[in-house]
C-alpha atoms as a PDB file:
ATOM      1  CA  MET A   1      -0.208   4.684 -16.835  1.00  0.00           C
ATOM      2  CA  PRO A   2       0.349   2.593 -13.474  1.00  0.00           C
ATOM      3  CA  LEU A   3       3.025   0.270 -13.153  1.00  0.00           C
ATOM      4  CA  PRO A   4       2.404  -3.604 -15.610  1.00  0.00           C
ATOM      5  CA  GLN A   5       0.872  -6.043 -13.581  1.00  0.00           C
ATOM      6  CA  THR A   6       3.655  -8.212 -15.090  1.00  0.00           C
ATOM      7  CA  LEU A   7       6.203  -6.759 -13.104  1.00  0.00           C
ATOM      8  CA  ALA A   8       3.673  -7.415 -10.077  1.00  0.00           C
ATOM      9  CA  ARG A   9       3.563 -10.538 -10.722  1.00  0.00           C
ATOM     10  CA  ILE A  10       7.664 -11.151 -10.614  1.00  0.00           C
ATOM     11  CA  ASN A  11       7.763  -8.929  -7.769  1.00  0.00           C
ATOM     12  CA  ARG A  12       5.177 -10.667  -5.457  1.00  0.00           C
ATOM     13  CA  ARG A  13       7.634 -14.012  -6.527  1.00  0.00           C
ATOM     14  CA  ILE A  14      10.635 -12.167  -6.217  1.00  0.00           C
ATOM     15  CA  SER A  15      10.823  -8.810  -4.847  1.00  0.00           C
ATOM     16  CA  ASN A  16       8.726  -8.558  -2.030  1.00  0.00           C
ATOM     17  CA  PRO A  17      10.117 -11.518  -0.335  1.00  0.00           C
ATOM     18  CA  VAL A  18      13.501  -9.325   0.273  1.00  0.00           C
ATOM     19  CA  LEU A  19      11.836  -5.935   0.205  1.00  0.00           C
ATOM     20  CA  GLY A  20       9.379  -7.158   3.306  1.00  0.00           C
ATOM     21  CA  VAL A  21      12.307  -7.425   5.655  1.00  0.00           C
ATOM     22  CA  MET A  22      12.870  -3.645   4.547  1.00  0.00           C
ATOM     23  CA  ALA A  23       9.740  -2.120   3.874  1.00  0.00           C
ATOM     24  CA  ARG A  24       8.900  -3.286   7.790  1.00  0.00           C
ATOM     25  CA  VAL A  25      11.695  -0.530   9.480  1.00  0.00           C
ATOM     26  CA  ALA A  26      12.024   1.417   6.455  1.00  0.00           C
ATOM     27  CA  PRO A  27      10.613   4.601   6.044  1.00  0.00           C
ATOM     28  CA  GLY A  28       7.895   5.832   3.575  1.00  0.00           C
ATOM     29  CA  PHE A  29       7.570   2.542   3.101  1.00  0.00           C
ATOM     30  CA  GLY A  30       5.480  -0.327   5.297  1.00  0.00           C
ATOM     31  CA  ILE A  31       3.827  -4.396   5.172  1.00  0.00           C
ATOM     32  CA  VAL A  32      -0.163  -4.472   4.363  1.00  0.00           C
ATOM     33  CA  ILE A  33      -1.290  -7.654   5.984  1.00  0.00           C
ATOM     34  CA  HIS A  34      -4.720  -8.979   4.334  1.00  0.00           C
ATOM     35  CA  THR A  35      -6.599 -11.907   4.223  1.00  0.00           C
ATOM     36  CA  GLY A  36      -7.289 -13.406   0.652  1.00  0.00           C
ATOM     37  CA  ARG A  37     -11.614 -13.104  -0.162  1.00  0.00           C
ATOM     38  CA  LYS A  38     -11.271 -16.696  -1.414  1.00  0.00           C
ATOM     39  CA  SER A  39      -8.764 -18.762  -0.062  1.00  0.00           C
ATOM     40  CA  GLY A  40      -8.477 -17.247   3.747  1.00  0.00           C
ATOM     41  CA  ARG A  41      -4.489 -17.029   3.629  1.00  0.00           C
ATOM     42  CA  VAL A  42      -2.898 -14.140   5.052  1.00  0.00           C
ATOM     43  CA  TYR A  43      -0.947 -12.834   2.557  1.00  0.00           C
ATOM     44  CA  ARG A  44       1.834  -9.409   3.187  1.00  0.00           C
ATOM     45  CA  SER A  45       2.023  -6.887   0.875  1.00  0.00           C
ATOM     46  CA  PRO A  46       5.061  -4.642   0.959  1.00  0.00           C
ATOM     47  CA  VAL A  47       3.512  -1.404  -0.243  1.00  0.00           C
ATOM     48  CA  MET A  48       4.949   2.791  -0.508  1.00  0.00           C
ATOM     49  CA  VAL A  49       3.068   4.921   2.636  1.00  0.00           C
ATOM     50  CA  PHE A  50       2.845   7.952   4.317  1.00  0.00           C
ATOM     51  CA  GLN A  51       1.106   8.919   7.573  1.00  0.00           C
ATOM     52  CA  ARG A  52      -1.604  11.648   6.821  1.00  0.00           C
ATOM     53  CA  ASP A  53      -5.023  12.843   8.069  1.00  0.00           C
ATOM     54  CA  GLY A  54      -4.534  10.854  11.063  1.00  0.00           C
ATOM     55  CA  GLY A  55      -4.295   7.488   9.399  1.00  0.00           C
ATOM     56  CA  TYR A  56      -2.067   5.982   6.589  1.00  0.00           C
ATOM     57  CA  ARG A  57      -2.191   6.769   2.319  1.00  0.00           C
ATOM     58  CA  ILE A  58      -0.244   4.092   0.931  1.00  0.00           C
ATOM     59  CA  ALA A  59       0.812   4.590  -2.752  1.00  0.00           C
ATOM     60  CA  LEU A  60      -0.994   2.248  -5.508  1.00  0.00           C
ATOM     61  CA  THR A  61       1.969   1.984  -8.029  1.00  0.00           C
ATOM     62  CA  TYR A  62       0.146  -0.699  -9.661  1.00  0.00           C
ATOM     63  CA  GLY A  63      -3.037   1.042  -9.653  1.00  0.00           C
ATOM     64  CA  ARG A  64      -6.689   0.431  -8.141  1.00  0.00           C
ATOM     65  CA  ASP A  65      -7.156  -3.642  -9.391  1.00  0.00           C
ATOM     66  CA  VAL A  66      -4.391  -5.247  -7.144  1.00  0.00           C
ATOM     67  CA  ASP A  67      -5.810  -7.963  -4.978  1.00  0.00           C
ATOM     68  CA  TRP A  68      -4.618  -7.024  -1.643  1.00  0.00           C
ATOM     69  CA  LEU A  69      -6.645  -3.660  -2.157  1.00  0.00           C
ATOM     70  CA  LYS A  70      -9.507  -5.470  -3.160  1.00  0.00           C
ATOM     71  CA  ASN A  71      -9.051  -7.923   0.251  1.00  0.00           C
ATOM     72  CA  ILE A  72      -8.687  -4.985   2.443  1.00  0.00           C
ATOM     73  CA  ARG A  73     -12.001  -3.447   1.062  1.00  0.00           C
ATOM     74  CA  ALA A  74     -13.986  -6.660   1.776  1.00  0.00           C
ATOM     75  CA  ALA A  75     -12.424  -6.663   5.004  1.00  0.00           C
ATOM     76  CA  GLU A  76     -12.843  -3.263   5.830  1.00  0.00           C
ATOM     77  CA  SER A  77     -10.189  -3.149   8.650  1.00  0.00           C
ATOM     78  CA  PHE A  78      -6.812  -4.539   8.262  1.00  0.00           C
ATOM     79  CA  GLU A  79      -3.358  -4.868   9.734  1.00  0.00           C
ATOM     80  CA  PHE A  80      -0.472  -2.619   8.771  1.00  0.00           C
ATOM     81  CA  GLU A  81       2.815  -3.179   9.954  1.00  0.00           C
ATOM     82  CA  THR A  82       5.291   0.265   9.554  1.00  0.00           C
ATOM     83  CA  ARG A  83       8.492   1.043  11.369  1.00  0.00           C
ATOM     84  CA  GLY A  84       8.940  -1.914  13.653  1.00  0.00           C
ATOM     85  CA  ARG A  85       5.390  -1.904  15.043  1.00  0.00           C
ATOM     86  CA  THR A  86       1.809  -2.741  13.844  1.00  0.00           C
ATOM     87  CA  VAL A  87      -1.017  -0.976  14.233  1.00  0.00           C
ATOM     88  CA  THR A  88      -4.748  -2.013  12.777  1.00  0.00           C
ATOM     89  CA  LEU A  89      -6.075   0.428  10.107  1.00  0.00           C
ATOM     90  CA  THR A  90     -10.184   0.639   8.957  1.00  0.00           C
ATOM     91  CA  ASP A  91     -12.239   2.262   5.938  1.00  0.00           C
ATOM     92  CA  PRO A  92     -10.229   1.898   3.536  1.00  0.00           C
ATOM     93  CA  VAL A  93     -11.162   4.458   0.852  1.00  0.00           C
ATOM     94  CA  VAL A  94      -9.174   5.509  -2.811  1.00  0.00           C
ATOM     95  CA  GLY A  95      -8.575   8.825  -3.581  1.00  0.00           C
ATOM     96  CA  HIS A  96      -6.845   9.927  -6.834  1.00  0.00           C
ATOM     97  CA  ASP A  97      -4.244  13.356  -7.183  1.00  0.00           C
ATOM     98  CA  ALA A  98      -2.607  13.158  -9.878  1.00  0.00           C
ATOM     99  CA  SER A  99       0.142  15.604  -8.579  1.00  0.00           C
ATOM    100  CA  ALA A 100       0.979  13.324  -5.593  1.00  0.00           C
ATOM    101  CA  ALA A 101       0.518  16.412  -3.582  1.00  0.00           C
ATOM    102  CA  TRP A 102      -0.041  13.945  -0.193  1.00  0.00           C
ATOM    103  CA  ALA A 103       3.462  12.939  -0.503  1.00  0.00           C
ATOM    104  CA  PRO A 104       6.743  14.487   0.595  1.00  0.00           C
ATOM    105  CA  PRO A 105       8.622  16.259  -2.098  1.00  0.00           C
ATOM    106  CA  GLY A 106      10.890  13.325  -3.644  1.00  0.00           C
ATOM    107  CA  ILE A 107       8.818  11.092  -3.813  1.00  0.00           C
ATOM    108  CA  ARG A 108       5.861  12.904  -5.532  1.00  0.00           C
ATOM    109  CA  GLN A 109       8.158  13.624  -8.375  1.00  0.00           C
ATOM    110  CA  VAL A 110       8.415   9.840  -8.279  1.00  0.00           C
ATOM    111  CA  LEU A 111       4.985   8.482  -8.198  1.00  0.00           C
ATOM    112  CA  THR A 112       4.189  11.457 -11.126  1.00  0.00           C
ATOM    113  CA  ALA A 113       6.812  10.308 -13.313  1.00  0.00           C
ATOM    114  CA  LEU A 114       5.742   6.661 -12.449  1.00  0.00           C
ATOM    115  CA  ALA A 115       1.592   8.483 -13.462  1.00  0.00           C
ATOM    116  CA  VAL A 116       0.617   6.586 -10.238  1.00  0.00           C
ATOM    117  CA  GLU A 117      -2.487   8.491  -9.125  1.00  0.00           C
ATOM    118  CA  TYR A 118      -4.176   6.711  -6.936  1.00  0.00           C
ATOM    119  CA  TYR A 119      -3.582   6.240  -2.880  1.00  0.00           C
ATOM    120  CA  VAL A 120      -5.576   4.464  -0.692  1.00  0.00           C
ATOM    121  CA  GLN A 121      -6.425   6.365   2.594  1.00  0.00           C
ATOM    122  CA  ALA A 122      -7.199   4.481   5.914  1.00  0.00           C
ATOM    123  CA  ARG A 123      -7.790   5.666   9.262  1.00  0.00           C
ATOM    124  CA  LEU A 124      -5.906   4.135  12.512  1.00  0.00           C
ATOM    125  CA  ALA A 125      -8.991   1.979  14.550  1.00  0.00           C
ATOM    126  CA  ARG A 126      -9.895   3.126  17.864  1.00  0.00           C
END
């Protein structure tokens, strides 16, 4: 079971602004920069991410029903900031792996303990 939506709302207002600073440069983290489908406003969401298969895999720690995922899927591309650089990613696809075999070993145990079964795979834009 992914993390509860109540925690997501708290994080959005309190933790995300603080984590956003760290997530820009820390290994295993990044910032999804996305535009609201209805508002047109630009948002920045810190996420757990890992390079994989010529792109990036983002852990869906709050499940598949999060606004940033809906926004990037509707747009089909998005900006992503990680390790001090910004890249454009495209073709976001949701994948399922209950074992989180795609994540590094130490993180894999955390993701499986939290029952994070889904991820987003996106590739670098050409």
